[in-house]
Amino acid sequence: MIKPILHIVIMLVLVFLFSSGISVQFKPFHISFSYPVFGVGIVFIAIGIALCCGNTYYKGMNENGYSDGYKKGFDRGVGYVIEYVKKKNETKSEHSDD
């Protein structure tokens, strides 16, 4: 659980650094941000979009009963693929016997 959170924090810091106009000077070692408010705004927008999209996705799955449907659909799909492969192998073996 900590690893995805760490990746998200690192990505948000990088978004802030790249969008805030950072300039680094090494001689007297000076770091300055040209547009720090813009960078913070972009980070807040990214967090807000992620929260809204995630909330909508999980709310829709739970309220509409899709979470159970996904499992049933996955199981049916796996069964269909297995039957299809078996039929393909049977027809291939019939043609190779000729």
PDB file of N, CA and C in Angstrom:
ATOM      1  N   MET A   1       0.817  -1.196   0.000  1.00  0.00           N
ATOM      2  CA  MET A   1       0.000   0.000   0.000  1.00  0.00           C
ATOM      3  C   MET A   1       0.862   1.262   0.000  1.00  0.00           C
ATOM      4  N   ILE A   2       2.024   1.170   0.607  1.00  0.00           N
ATOM      5  CA  ILE A   2       2.887   2.351   0.678  1.00  0.00           C
ATOM      6  C   ILE A   2       3.542   2.636  -0.672  1.00  0.00           C
ATOM      7  N   LYS A   3       3.839   1.593  -1.432  1.00  0.00           N
ATOM      8  CA  LYS A   3       4.528   1.782  -2.714  1.00  0.00           C
ATOM      9  C   LYS A   3       3.701   2.610  -3.705  1.00  0.00           C
ATOM     10  N   PRO A   4       2.393   2.325  -3.914  1.00  0.00           N
ATOM     11  CA  PRO A   4       1.631   3.187  -4.841  1.00  0.00           C
ATOM     12  C   PRO A   4       1.504   4.626  -4.342  1.00  0.00           C
ATOM     13  N   ILE A   5       1.368   4.789  -3.031  1.00  0.00           N
ATOM     14  CA  ILE A   5       1.264   6.142  -2.483  1.00  0.00           C
ATOM     15  C   ILE A   5       2.566   6.898  -2.717  1.00  0.00           C
ATOM     16  N   LEU A   6       3.681   6.220  -2.528  1.00  0.00           N
ATOM     17  CA  LEU A   6       4.986   6.846  -2.763  1.00  0.00           C
ATOM     18  C   LEU A   6       5.140   7.249  -4.232  1.00  0.00           C
ATOM     19  N   HIS A   7       4.704   6.397  -5.154  1.00  0.00           N
ATOM     20  CA  HIS A   7       4.768   6.734  -6.578  1.00  0.00           C
ATOM     21  C   HIS A   7       3.887   7.942  -6.892  1.00  0.00           C
ATOM     22  N   ILE A   8       2.716   8.005  -6.315  1.00  0.00           N
ATOM     23  CA  ILE A   8       1.819   9.132  -6.567  1.00  0.00           C
ATOM     24  C   ILE A   8       2.420  10.428  -6.037  1.00  0.00           C
ATOM     25  N   VAL A   9       2.984  10.387  -4.845  1.00  0.00           N
ATOM     26  CA  VAL A   9       3.601  11.592  -4.271  1.00  0.00           C
ATOM     27  C   VAL A   9       4.774  12.055  -5.122  1.00  0.00           C
ATOM     28  N   ILE A  10       5.590  11.125  -5.577  1.00  0.00           N
ATOM     29  CA  ILE A  10       6.727  11.490  -6.430  1.00  0.00           C
ATOM     30  C   ILE A  10       6.243  12.108  -7.736  1.00  0.00           C
ATOM     31  N   MET A  11       5.202  11.528  -8.335  1.00  0.00           N
ATOM     32  CA  MET A  11       4.674  12.097  -9.580  1.00  0.00           C
ATOM     33  C   MET A  11       4.104  13.490  -9.366  1.00  0.00           C
ATOM     34  N   LEU A  12       3.404  13.708  -8.239  1.00  0.00           N
ATOM     35  CA  LEU A  12       2.861  15.041  -7.967  1.00  0.00           C
ATOM     36  C   LEU A  12       3.972  16.055  -7.736  1.00  0.00           C
ATOM     37  N   VAL A  13       5.035  15.657  -7.075  1.00  0.00           N
ATOM     38  CA  VAL A  13       6.172  16.563  -6.882  1.00  0.00           C
ATOM     39  C   VAL A  13       6.811  16.896  -8.220  1.00  0.00           C
ATOM     40  N   LEU A  14       6.959  15.912  -9.088  1.00  0.00           N
ATOM     41  CA  LEU A  14       7.531  16.183 -10.412  1.00  0.00           C
ATOM     42  C   LEU A  14       6.636  17.092 -11.233  1.00  0.00           C
ATOM     43  N   VAL A  15       5.318  16.885 -11.157  1.00  0.00           N
ATOM     44  CA  VAL A  15       4.396  17.773 -11.860  1.00  0.00           C
ATOM     45  C   VAL A  15       4.548  19.198 -11.341  1.00  0.00           C
ATOM     46  N   PHE A  16       4.657  19.345 -10.025  1.00  0.00           N
ATOM     47  CA  PHE A  16       4.852  20.679  -9.448  1.00  0.00           C
ATOM     48  C   PHE A  16       6.152  21.304  -9.945  1.00  0.00           C
ATOM     49  N   LEU A  17       7.233  20.534  -9.908  1.00  0.00           N
ATOM     50  CA  LEU A  17       8.532  21.085 -10.306  1.00  0.00           C
ATOM     51  C   LEU A  17       8.546  21.504 -11.769  1.00  0.00           C
ATOM     52  N   PHE A  18       7.967  20.671 -12.639  1.00  0.00           N
ATOM     53  CA  PHE A  18       8.000  21.000 -14.064  1.00  0.00           C
ATOM     54  C   PHE A  18       7.022  22.116 -14.435  1.00  0.00           C
ATOM     55  N   SER A  19       5.930  22.264 -13.702  1.00  0.00           N
ATOM     56  CA  SER A  19       4.946  23.284 -14.064  1.00  0.00           C
ATOM     57  C   SER A  19       5.168  24.606 -13.352  1.00  0.00           C
ATOM     58  N   SER A  20       6.050  24.664 -12.369  1.00  0.00           N
ATOM     59  CA  SER A  20       6.231  25.912 -11.628  1.00  0.00           C
ATOM     60  C   SER A  20       7.426  26.723 -12.123  1.00  0.00           C
ATOM     61  N   GLY A  21       8.080  26.302 -13.148  1.00  0.00           N
ATOM     62  CA  GLY A  21       9.188  27.069 -13.713  1.00  0.00           C
ATOM     63  C   GLY A  21      10.385  27.123 -12.802  1.00  0.00           C
ATOM     64  N   ILE A  22      10.920  25.985 -12.448  1.00  0.00           N
ATOM     65  CA  ILE A  22      12.045  25.910 -11.520  1.00  0.00           C
ATOM     66  C   ILE A  22      13.333  26.310 -12.236  1.00  0.00           C
ATOM     67  N   SER A  23      14.178  27.020 -11.507  1.00  0.00           N
ATOM     68  CA  SER A  23      15.511  27.313 -12.027  1.00  0.00           C
ATOM     69  C   SER A  23      16.507  27.015 -10.907  1.00  0.00           C
ATOM     70  N   VAL A  24      17.557  26.309 -11.267  1.00  0.00           N
ATOM     71  CA  VAL A  24      18.567  25.888 -10.299  1.00  0.00           C
ATOM     72  C   VAL A  24      19.910  26.469 -10.733  1.00  0.00           C
ATOM     73  N   GLN A  25      20.595  27.105  -9.782  1.00  0.00           N
ATOM     74  CA  GLN A  25      21.937  27.625 -10.026  1.00  0.00           C
ATOM     75  C   GLN A  25      22.881  26.924  -9.060  1.00  0.00           C
ATOM     76  N   PHE A  26      23.984  26.428  -9.578  1.00  0.00           N
ATOM     77  CA  PHE A  26      24.877  25.632  -8.756  1.00  0.00           C
ATOM     78  C   PHE A  26      26.026  26.409  -8.118  1.00  0.00           C
ATOM     79  N   LYS A  27      26.386  27.551  -8.673  1.00  0.00           N
ATOM     80  CA  LYS A  27      27.550  28.248  -8.130  1.00  0.00           C
ATOM     81  C   LYS A  27      27.298  28.703  -6.679  1.00  0.00           C
ATOM     82  N   PRO A  28      26.316  29.552  -6.421  1.00  0.00           N
ATOM     83  CA  PRO A  28      25.995  29.803  -5.012  1.00  0.00           C
ATOM     84  C   PRO A  28      24.862  28.901  -4.532  1.00  0.00           C
ATOM     85  N   PHE A  29      24.482  27.949  -5.318  1.00  0.00           N
ATOM     86  CA  PHE A  29      23.380  27.014  -5.132  1.00  0.00           C
ATOM     87  C   PHE A  29      22.102  27.730  -4.704  1.00  0.00           C
ATOM     88  N   HIS A  30      21.326  28.058  -5.710  1.00  0.00           N
ATOM     89  CA  HIS A  30      20.089  28.796  -5.516  1.00  0.00           C
ATOM     90  C   HIS A  30      18.988  28.108  -6.323  1.00  0.00           C
ATOM     91  N   ILE A  31      17.873  27.837  -5.668  1.00  0.00           N
ATOM     92  CA  ILE A  31      16.703  27.257  -6.336  1.00  0.00           C
ATOM     93  C   ILE A  31      15.577  28.272  -6.255  1.00  0.00           C
ATOM     94  N   SER A  32      14.980  28.567  -7.410  1.00  0.00           N
ATOM     95  CA  SER A  32      13.855  29.503  -7.409  1.00  0.00           C
ATOM     96  C   SER A  32      12.748  28.981  -8.311  1.00  0.00           C
ATOM     97  N   PHE A  33      11.536  29.316  -7.940  1.00  0.00           N
ATOM     98  CA  PHE A  33      10.355  28.938  -8.713  1.00  0.00           C
ATOM     99  C   PHE A  33       9.763  30.198  -9.321  1.00  0.00           C
ATOM    100  N   SER A  34       9.600  30.208 -10.632  1.00  0.00           N
ATOM    101  CA  SER A  34       9.046  31.377 -11.300  1.00  0.00           C
ATOM    102  C   SER A  34       7.551  31.509 -11.048  1.00  0.00           C
ATOM    103  N   TYR A  35       6.819  30.390 -11.109  1.00  0.00           N
ATOM    104  CA  TYR A  35       5.366  30.401 -10.964  1.00  0.00           C
ATOM    105  C   TYR A  35       4.929  29.336  -9.946  1.00  0.00           C
ATOM    106  N   PRO A  36       5.207  29.519  -8.659  1.00  0.00           N
ATOM    107  CA  PRO A  36       4.857  28.471  -7.692  1.00  0.00           C
ATOM    108  C   PRO A  36       3.352  28.285  -7.541  1.00  0.00           C
ATOM    109  N   VAL A  37       2.578  29.355  -7.692  1.00  0.00           N
ATOM    110  CA  VAL A  37       1.128  29.245  -7.542  1.00  0.00           C
ATOM    111  C   VAL A  37       0.547  28.406  -8.679  1.00  0.00           C
ATOM    112  N   PHE A  38       1.085  28.579  -9.872  1.00  0.00           N
ATOM    113  CA  PHE A  38       0.631  27.795 -11.016  1.00  0.00           C
ATOM    114  C   PHE A  38       0.907  26.312 -10.788  1.00  0.00           C
ATOM    115  N   GLY A  39       2.080  25.978 -10.272  1.00  0.00           N
ATOM    116  CA  GLY A  39       2.421  24.586  -9.994  1.00  0.00           C
ATOM    117  C   GLY A  39       1.518  23.973  -8.942  1.00  0.00           C
ATOM    118  N   VAL A  40       1.228  24.725  -7.878  1.00  0.00           N
ATOM    119  CA  VAL A  40       0.327  24.222  -6.837  1.00  0.00           C
ATOM    120  C   VAL A  40      -1.072  24.016  -7.410  1.00  0.00           C
ATOM    121  N   GLY A  41      -1.512  24.934  -8.248  1.00  0.00           N
ATOM    122  CA  GLY A  41      -2.827  24.804  -8.878  1.00  0.00           C
ATOM    123  C   GLY A  41      -2.922  23.561  -9.741  1.00  0.00           C
ATOM    124  N   ILE A  42      -1.902  23.285 -10.517  1.00  0.00           N
ATOM    125  CA  ILE A  42      -1.899  22.085 -11.364  1.00  0.00           C
ATOM    126  C   ILE A  42      -1.936  20.829 -10.506  1.00  0.00           C
ATOM    127  N   VAL A  43      -1.192  20.807  -9.407  1.00  0.00           N
ATOM    128  CA  VAL A  43      -1.193  19.649  -8.511  1.00  0.00           C
ATOM    129  C   VAL A  43      -2.582  19.452  -7.907  1.00  0.00           C
ATOM    130  N   PHE A  44      -3.226  20.536  -7.456  1.00  0.00           N
ATOM    131  CA  PHE A  44      -4.576  20.427  -6.899  1.00  0.00           C
ATOM    132  C   PHE A  44      -5.584  19.962  -7.938  1.00  0.00           C
ATOM    133  N   ILE A  45      -5.448  20.430  -9.159  1.00  0.00           N
ATOM    134  CA  ILE A  45      -6.342  19.978 -10.234  1.00  0.00           C
ATOM    135  C   ILE A  45      -6.156  18.489 -10.483  1.00  0.00           C
ATOM    136  N   ALA A  46      -4.917  18.019 -10.507  1.00  0.00           N
ATOM    137  CA  ALA A  46      -4.651  16.597 -10.725  1.00  0.00           C
ATOM    138  C   ALA A  46      -5.232  15.746  -9.599  1.00  0.00           C
ATOM    139  N   ILE A  47      -5.080  16.199  -8.362  1.00  0.00           N
ATOM    140  CA  ILE A  47      -5.640  15.460  -7.220  1.00  0.00           C
ATOM    141  C   ILE A  47      -7.158  15.447  -7.302  1.00  0.00           C
ATOM    142  N   GLY A  48      -7.771  16.577  -7.625  1.00  0.00           N
ATOM    143  CA  GLY A  48      -9.230  16.659  -7.726  1.00  0.00           C
ATOM    144  C   GLY A  48      -9.793  15.767  -8.810  1.00  0.00           C
ATOM    145  N   ILE A  49      -9.162  15.760  -9.969  1.00  0.00           N
ATOM    146  CA  ILE A  49      -9.627  14.898 -11.063  1.00  0.00           C
ATOM    147  C   ILE A  49      -9.493  13.442 -10.680  1.00  0.00           C
ATOM    148  N   ALA A  50      -8.386  13.081 -10.052  1.00  0.00           N
ATOM    149  CA  ALA A  50      -8.190  11.692  -9.642  1.00  0.00           C
ATOM    150  C   ALA A  50      -9.236  11.266  -8.618  1.00  0.00           C
ATOM    151  N   LEU A  51      -9.524  12.116  -7.655  1.00  0.00           N
ATOM    152  CA  LEU A  51     -10.526  11.779  -6.647  1.00  0.00           C
ATOM    153  C   LEU A  51     -11.922  11.661  -7.248  1.00  0.00           C
ATOM    154  N   CYS A  52     -12.276  12.584  -8.147  1.00  0.00           N
ATOM    155  CA  CYS A  52     -13.610  12.545  -8.761  1.00  0.00           C
ATOM    156  C   CYS A  52     -13.775  11.302  -9.638  1.00  0.00           C
ATOM    157  N   CYS A  53     -12.781  11.019 -10.461  1.00  0.00           N
ATOM    158  CA  CYS A  53     -12.870   9.855 -11.349  1.00  0.00           C
ATOM    159  C   CYS A  53     -12.890   8.556 -10.550  1.00  0.00           C
ATOM    160  N   GLY A  54     -12.054   8.465  -9.539  1.00  0.00           N
ATOM    161  CA  GLY A  54     -12.025   7.263  -8.718  1.00  0.00           C
ATOM    162  C   GLY A  54     -13.314   7.062  -7.956  1.00  0.00           C
ATOM    163  N   ASN A  55     -13.870   8.132  -7.403  1.00  0.00           N
ATOM    164  CA  ASN A  55     -15.111   8.041  -6.649  1.00  0.00           C
ATOM    165  C   ASN A  55     -16.257   7.633  -7.563  1.00  0.00           C
ATOM    166  N   THR A  56     -16.340   8.212  -8.740  1.00  0.00           N
ATOM    167  CA  THR A  56     -17.401   7.870  -9.680  1.00  0.00           C
ATOM    168  C   THR A  56     -17.295   6.415 -10.110  1.00  0.00           C
ATOM    169  N   TYR A  57     -16.107   5.952 -10.366  1.00  0.00           N
ATOM    170  CA  TYR A  57     -15.907   4.576 -10.808  1.00  0.00           C
ATOM    171  C   TYR A  57     -16.364   3.590  -9.740  1.00  0.00           C
ATOM    172  N   TYR A  58     -15.903   3.774  -8.503  1.00  0.00           N
ATOM    173  CA  TYR A  58     -16.250   2.821  -7.450  1.00  0.00           C
ATOM    174  C   TYR A  58     -17.695   2.958  -7.005  1.00  0.00           C
ATOM    175  N   LYS A  59     -18.238   4.167  -7.023  1.00  0.00           N
ATOM    176  CA  LYS A  59     -19.637   4.366  -6.659  1.00  0.00           C
ATOM    177  C   LYS A  59     -20.544   3.687  -7.678  1.00  0.00           C
ATOM    178  N   GLY A  60     -20.217   3.800  -8.936  1.00  0.00           N
ATOM    179  CA  GLY A  60     -21.013   3.156  -9.976  1.00  0.00           C
ATOM    180  C   GLY A  60     -20.945   1.639  -9.893  1.00  0.00           C
ATOM    181  N   MET A  61     -19.775   1.123  -9.569  1.00  0.00           N
ATOM    182  CA  MET A  61     -19.648  -0.334  -9.447  1.00  0.00           C
ATOM    183  C   MET A  61     -20.465  -0.874  -8.284  1.00  0.00           C
ATOM    184  N   ASN A  62     -20.411  -0.190  -7.148  1.00  0.00           N
ATOM    185  CA  ASN A  62     -21.088  -0.695  -5.958  1.00  0.00           C
ATOM    186  C   ASN A  62     -22.595  -0.489  -6.005  1.00  0.00           C
ATOM    187  N   GLU A  63     -23.066   0.666  -6.464  1.00  0.00           N
ATOM    188  CA  GLU A  63     -24.495   0.951  -6.460  1.00  0.00           C
ATOM    189  C   GLU A  63     -25.247   0.179  -7.534  1.00  0.00           C
ATOM    190  N   ASN A  64     -24.636  -0.032  -8.664  1.00  0.00           N
ATOM    191  CA  ASN A  64     -25.320  -0.697  -9.766  1.00  0.00           C
ATOM    192  C   ASN A  64     -25.108  -2.200  -9.783  1.00  0.00           C
ATOM    193  N   GLY A  65     -24.353  -2.713  -8.849  1.00  0.00           N
ATOM    194  CA  GLY A  65     -24.123  -4.145  -8.787  1.00  0.00           C
ATOM    195  C   GLY A  65     -23.190  -4.660  -9.856  1.00  0.00           C
ATOM    196  N   TYR A  66     -22.360  -3.777 -10.396  1.00  0.00           N
ATOM    197  CA  TYR A  66     -21.457  -4.200 -11.457  1.00  0.00           C
ATOM    198  C   TYR A  66     -20.309  -5.045 -10.945  1.00  0.00           C
ATOM    199  N   SER A  67     -19.969  -4.921  -9.684  1.00  0.00           N
ATOM    200  CA  SER A  67     -18.819  -5.661  -9.176  1.00  0.00           C
ATOM    201  C   SER A  67     -19.062  -7.159  -9.281  1.00  0.00           C
ATOM    202  N   ASP A  68     -20.284  -7.593  -9.034  1.00  0.00           N
ATOM    203  CA  ASP A  68     -20.615  -9.004  -9.188  1.00  0.00           C
ATOM    204  C   ASP A  68     -20.662  -9.380 -10.672  1.00  0.00           C
ATOM    205  N   GLY A  69     -21.151  -8.468 -11.490  1.00  0.00           N
ATOM    206  CA  GLY A  69     -21.246  -8.734 -12.927  1.00  0.00           C
ATOM    207  C   GLY A  69     -19.890  -8.866 -13.593  1.00  0.00           C
ATOM    208  N   TYR A  70     -18.909  -8.117 -13.140  1.00  0.00           N
ATOM    209  CA  TYR A  70     -17.573  -8.223 -13.702  1.00  0.00           C
ATOM    210  C   TYR A  70     -17.015  -9.632 -13.488  1.00  0.00           C
ATOM    211  N   LYS A  71     -17.203 -10.161 -12.293  1.00  0.00           N
ATOM    212  CA  LYS A  71     -16.691 -11.501 -11.986  1.00  0.00           C
ATOM    213  C   LYS A  71     -17.406 -12.549 -12.827  1.00  0.00           C
ATOM    214  N   LYS A  72     -18.725 -12.445 -12.919  1.00  0.00           N
ATOM    215  CA  LYS A  72     -19.486 -13.406 -13.717  1.00  0.00           C
ATOM    216  C   LYS A  72     -19.090 -13.314 -15.195  1.00  0.00           C
ATOM    217  N   GLY A  73     -18.957 -12.100 -15.698  1.00  0.00           N
ATOM    218  CA  GLY A  73     -18.554 -11.923 -17.090  1.00  0.00           C
ATOM    219  C   GLY A  73     -17.156 -12.447 -17.356  1.00  0.00           C
ATOM    220  N   PHE A  74     -16.259 -12.230 -16.425  1.00  0.00           N
ATOM    221  CA  PHE A  74     -14.899 -12.736 -16.572  1.00  0.00           C
ATOM    222  C   PHE A  74     -14.903 -14.257 -16.601  1.00  0.00           C
ATOM    223  N   ASP A  75     -15.646 -14.876 -15.681  1.00  0.00           N
ATOM    224  CA  ASP A  75     -15.709 -16.341 -15.644  1.00  0.00           C
ATOM    225  C   ASP A  75     -16.318 -16.909 -16.920  1.00  0.00           C
ATOM    226  N   ARG A  76     -17.376 -16.284 -17.420  1.00  0.00           N
ATOM    227  CA  ARG A  76     -17.985 -16.747 -18.680  1.00  0.00           C
ATOM    228  C   ARG A  76     -17.026 -16.572 -19.852  1.00  0.00           C
ATOM    229  N   GLY A  77     -16.318 -15.461 -19.853  1.00  0.00           N
ATOM    230  CA  GLY A  77     -15.351 -15.221 -20.925  1.00  0.00           C
ATOM    231  C   GLY A  77     -14.226 -16.238 -20.916  1.00  0.00           C
ATOM    232  N   VAL A  78     -13.737 -16.570 -19.739  1.00  0.00           N
ATOM    233  CA  VAL A  78     -12.681 -17.580 -19.634  1.00  0.00           C
ATOM    234  C   VAL A  78     -13.202 -18.929 -20.110  1.00  0.00           C
ATOM    235  N   GLY A  79     -14.418 -19.271 -19.707  1.00  0.00           N
ATOM    236  CA  GLY A  79     -15.010 -20.534 -20.156  1.00  0.00           C
ATOM    237  C   GLY A  79     -15.177 -20.576 -21.668  1.00  0.00           C
ATOM    238  N   TYR A  80     -15.616 -19.459 -22.244  1.00  0.00           N
ATOM    239  CA  TYR A  80     -15.785 -19.387 -23.692  1.00  0.00           C
ATOM    240  C   TYR A  80     -14.452 -19.572 -24.406  1.00  0.00           C
ATOM    241  N   VAL A  81     -13.421 -18.922 -23.928  1.00  0.00           N
ATOM    242  CA  VAL A  81     -12.103 -19.030 -24.561  1.00  0.00           C
ATOM    243  C   VAL A  81     -11.575 -20.457 -24.465  1.00  0.00           C
ATOM    244  N   ILE A  82     -11.764 -21.096 -23.320  1.00  0.00           N
ATOM    245  CA  ILE A  82     -11.295 -22.479 -23.159  1.00  0.00           C
ATOM    246  C   ILE A  82     -12.020 -23.405 -24.119  1.00  0.00           C
ATOM    247  N   GLU A  83     -13.350 -23.257 -24.239  1.00  0.00           N
ATOM    248  CA  GLU A  83     -14.116 -24.080 -25.186  1.00  0.00           C
ATOM    249  C   GLU A  83     -13.681 -23.806 -26.623  1.00  0.00           C
ATOM    250  N   TYR A  84     -13.431 -22.555 -26.960  1.00  0.00           N
ATOM    251  CA  TYR A  84     -13.006 -22.201 -28.310  1.00  0.00           C
ATOM    252  C   TYR A  84     -11.664 -22.830 -28.646  1.00  0.00           C
ATOM    253  N   VAL A  85     -10.738 -22.793 -27.701  1.00  0.00           N
ATOM    254  CA  VAL A  85      -9.419 -23.380 -27.928  1.00  0.00           C
ATOM    255  C   VAL A  85      -9.527 -24.894 -28.072  1.00  0.00           C
ATOM    256  N   LYS A  86     -10.392 -25.528 -27.268  1.00  0.00           N
ATOM    257  CA  LYS A  86     -10.588 -26.977 -27.387  1.00  0.00           C
ATOM    258  C   LYS A  86     -11.136 -27.336 -28.764  1.00  0.00           C
ATOM    259  N   LYS A  87     -12.120 -26.578 -29.241  1.00  0.00           N
ATOM    260  CA  LYS A  87     -12.688 -26.840 -30.576  1.00  0.00           C
ATOM    261  C   LYS A  87     -11.632 -26.645 -31.661  1.00  0.00           C
ATOM    262  N   LYS A  88     -10.823 -25.600 -31.519  1.00  0.00           N
ATOM    263  CA  LYS A  88      -9.767 -25.343 -32.500  1.00  0.00           C
ATOM    264  C   LYS A  88      -8.776 -26.493 -32.526  1.00  0.00           C
ATOM    265  N   ASN A  89      -8.392 -27.010 -31.351  1.00  0.00           N
ATOM    266  CA  ASN A  89      -7.447 -28.121 -31.291  1.00  0.00           C
ATOM    267  C   ASN A  89      -8.050 -29.392 -31.866  1.00  0.00           C
ATOM    268  N   GLU A  90      -9.351 -29.613 -31.633  1.00  0.00           N
ATOM    269  CA  GLU A  90     -10.006 -30.799 -32.190  1.00  0.00           C
ATOM    270  C   GLU A  90     -10.049 -30.745 -33.705  1.00  0.00           C
ATOM    271  N   THR A  91     -10.415 -29.579 -34.260  1.00  0.00           N
ATOM    272  CA  THR A  91     -10.469 -29.454 -35.719  1.00  0.00           C
ATOM    273  C   THR A  91      -9.059 -29.542 -36.317  1.00  0.00           C
ATOM    274  N   LYS A  92      -8.065 -29.025 -35.616  1.00  0.00           N
ATOM    275  CA  LYS A  92      -6.702 -29.081 -36.108  1.00  0.00           C
ATOM    276  C   LYS A  92      -6.215 -30.536 -36.122  1.00  0.00           C
ATOM    277  N   SER A  93      -6.563 -31.297 -35.072  1.00  0.00           N
ATOM    278  CA  SER A  93      -6.142 -32.706 -35.022  1.00  0.00           C
ATOM    279  C   SER A  93      -6.887 -33.531 -36.067  1.00  0.00           C
ATOM    280  N   GLU A  94      -8.157 -33.198 -36.355  1.00  0.00           N
ATOM    281  CA  GLU A  94      -8.901 -33.906 -37.404  1.00  0.00           C
ATOM    282  C   GLU A  94      -8.287 -33.658 -38.770  1.00  0.00           C
ATOM    283  N   HIS A  95      -7.877 -32.439 -39.030  1.00  0.00           N
ATOM    284  CA  HIS A  95      -7.281 -32.104 -40.323  1.00  0.00           C
ATOM    285  C   HIS A  95      -5.875 -32.707 -40.447  1.00  0.00           C
ATOM    286  N   SER A  96      -5.173 -32.864 -39.370  1.00  0.00           N
ATOM    287  CA  SER A  96      -3.827 -33.428 -39.455  1.00  0.00           C
ATOM    288  C   SER A  96      -3.888 -34.949 -39.655  1.00  0.00           C
ATOM    289  N   ASP A  97      -5.007 -35.599 -39.269  1.00  0.00           N
ATOM    290  CA  ASP A  97      -5.151 -37.033 -39.473  1.00  0.00           C
ATOM    291  C   ASP A  97      -5.392 -37.382 -40.941  1.00  0.00           C
ATOM    292  N   ASP A  98      -5.921 -36.434 -41.713  1.00  0.00           N
ATOM    293  CA  ASP A  98      -6.228 -36.703 -43.122  1.00  0.00           C
ATOM    294  C   ASP A  98      -5.025 -36.846 -43.951  1.00  0.00           C
TER     295      ASP A  98
END
